[in-house]
Amino acid sequence: MAKKYLLTVTDEMGAKLEKEMKRRMIETVPETVRAILSEYLTDKK
């Protein structure tokens, strides 16, 4: 079952997420956050 979270970021972080979204050719910021978290958590194992 999926959980939903509300995330607030600074304007600077939002701009970085939008830049990363375009670099990865992802359509939305939430998808970008999921991709980054997935990579981060996978690398930490």
N, C-alpha and C. Protein backbone atom coordinates (compact mmCIF):
# COMPACT_ATOMS: atom_id res chain seq x y z
N MET A 1 0.83 -1.18 0.00
CA MET A 1 0.00 0.00 0.00
C MET A 1 0.88 1.25 0.00
N ALA A 2 0.57 2.20 -0.82
CA ALA A 2 1.34 3.43 -0.93
C ALA A 2 0.90 4.44 0.13
N LYS A 3 1.86 5.20 0.62
CA LYS A 3 1.57 6.28 1.57
C LYS A 3 1.79 7.61 0.87
N LYS A 4 1.07 8.62 1.30
CA LYS A 4 1.22 9.96 0.74
C LYS A 4 1.86 10.86 1.78
N TYR A 5 2.76 11.71 1.32
CA TYR A 5 3.43 12.67 2.18
C TYR A 5 3.34 14.05 1.55
N LEU A 6 3.22 15.06 2.38
CA LEU A 6 3.24 16.44 1.93
C LEU A 6 4.63 16.98 2.20
N LEU A 7 5.26 17.56 1.21
CA LEU A 7 6.62 18.03 1.33
C LEU A 7 6.69 19.50 0.99
N THR A 8 7.28 20.28 1.86
CA THR A 8 7.48 21.70 1.61
C THR A 8 8.98 21.93 1.40
N VAL A 9 9.32 22.63 0.32
CA VAL A 9 10.72 22.91 0.03
C VAL A 9 10.90 24.41 -0.19
N THR A 10 12.13 24.86 -0.04
CA THR A 10 12.44 26.27 -0.29
C THR A 10 12.37 26.55 -1.78
N ASP A 11 12.32 27.81 -2.13
CA ASP A 11 12.31 28.19 -3.55
C ASP A 11 13.56 27.67 -4.26
N GLU A 12 14.69 27.73 -3.56
CA GLU A 12 15.95 27.25 -4.14
C GLU A 12 15.90 25.75 -4.42
N MET A 13 15.38 24.99 -3.46
CA MET A 13 15.28 23.54 -3.65
C MET A 13 14.27 23.22 -4.75
N GLY A 14 13.18 23.98 -4.81
CA GLY A 14 12.20 23.78 -5.87
C GLY A 14 12.81 23.99 -7.25
N ALA A 15 13.64 25.03 -7.37
CA ALA A 15 14.30 25.30 -8.65
C ALA A 15 15.25 24.16 -9.01
N LYS A 16 15.97 23.64 -8.01
CA LYS A 16 16.88 22.52 -8.26
C LYS A 16 16.11 21.27 -8.68
N LEU A 17 14.97 21.04 -8.04
CA LEU A 17 14.15 19.88 -8.41
C LEU A 17 13.62 20.02 -9.83
N GLU A 18 13.19 21.22 -10.20
CA GLU A 18 12.69 21.43 -11.57
C GLU A 18 13.81 21.25 -12.59
N LYS A 19 15.01 21.70 -12.26
CA LYS A 19 16.16 21.52 -13.16
C LYS A 19 16.48 20.03 -13.31
N GLU A 20 16.46 19.31 -12.19
CA GLU A 20 16.73 17.86 -12.22
C GLU A 20 15.63 17.13 -12.98
N MET A 21 14.40 17.58 -12.83
CA MET A 21 13.27 16.98 -13.54
C MET A 21 13.49 17.08 -15.05
N LYS A 22 13.91 18.24 -15.51
CA LYS A 22 14.17 18.44 -16.94
C LYS A 22 15.36 17.61 -17.41
N ARG A 23 16.42 17.55 -16.56
CA ARG A 23 17.61 16.78 -16.92
C ARG A 23 17.29 15.30 -17.08
N ARG A 24 16.43 14.79 -16.21
CA ARG A 24 16.06 13.38 -16.26
C ARG A 24 14.89 13.11 -17.21
N MET A 25 14.33 14.18 -17.78
CA MET A 25 13.18 14.07 -18.68
C MET A 25 12.00 13.38 -17.98
N ILE A 26 11.74 13.81 -16.75
CA ILE A 26 10.61 13.32 -15.98
C ILE A 26 9.53 14.39 -16.04
N GLU A 27 8.27 13.98 -16.02
CA GLU A 27 7.17 14.92 -16.23
C GLU A 27 6.77 15.74 -15.01
N THR A 28 6.97 15.22 -13.80
CA THR A 28 6.51 15.95 -12.62
C THR A 28 7.58 15.97 -11.53
N VAL A 29 7.48 16.96 -10.65
CA VAL A 29 8.40 17.05 -9.52
C VAL A 29 8.22 15.86 -8.56
N PRO A 30 6.99 15.45 -8.22
CA PRO A 30 6.86 14.28 -7.34
C PRO A 30 7.54 13.02 -7.89
N GLU A 31 7.45 12.81 -9.19
CA GLU A 31 8.14 11.66 -9.80
C GLU A 31 9.65 11.82 -9.66
N THR A 32 10.13 13.05 -9.79
CA THR A 32 11.56 13.32 -9.65
C THR A 32 12.01 13.04 -8.23
N VAL A 33 11.24 13.47 -7.24
CA VAL A 33 11.57 13.20 -5.84
C VAL A 33 11.60 11.70 -5.59
N ARG A 34 10.63 10.97 -6.10
CA ARG A 34 10.61 9.51 -5.93
C ARG A 34 11.85 8.87 -6.55
N ALA A 35 12.24 9.32 -7.73
CA ALA A 35 13.42 8.75 -8.39
C ALA A 35 14.68 9.03 -7.58
N ILE A 36 14.83 10.25 -7.09
CA ILE A 36 16.01 10.62 -6.31
C ILE A 36 16.05 9.81 -5.02
N LEU A 37 14.93 9.72 -4.31
CA LEU A 37 14.88 8.95 -3.06
C LEU A 37 15.16 7.47 -3.30
N SER A 38 14.60 6.95 -4.37
CA SER A 38 14.82 5.54 -4.69
C SER A 38 16.29 5.26 -4.93
N GLU A 39 16.95 6.12 -5.70
CA GLU A 39 18.38 5.95 -5.96
C GLU A 39 19.19 6.09 -4.68
N TYR A 40 18.86 7.09 -3.89
CA TYR A 40 19.59 7.35 -2.65
C TYR A 40 19.46 6.17 -1.69
N LEU A 41 18.24 5.69 -1.50
CA LEU A 41 18.03 4.59 -0.56
C LEU A 41 18.60 3.27 -1.07
N THR A 42 18.62 3.07 -2.37
CA THR A 42 19.21 1.86 -2.94
C THR A 42 20.73 1.87 -2.78
N ASP A 43 21.35 3.04 -2.95
CA ASP A 43 22.79 3.16 -2.83
C ASP A 43 23.28 3.00 -1.40
N LYS A 44 22.41 3.25 -0.43
CA LYS A 44 22.81 3.18 0.98
C LYS A 44 22.83 1.77 1.53
N LYS A 45 22.35 0.79 0.80
CA LYS A 45 22.32 -0.60 1.30
C LYS A 45 23.68 -1.22 1.29
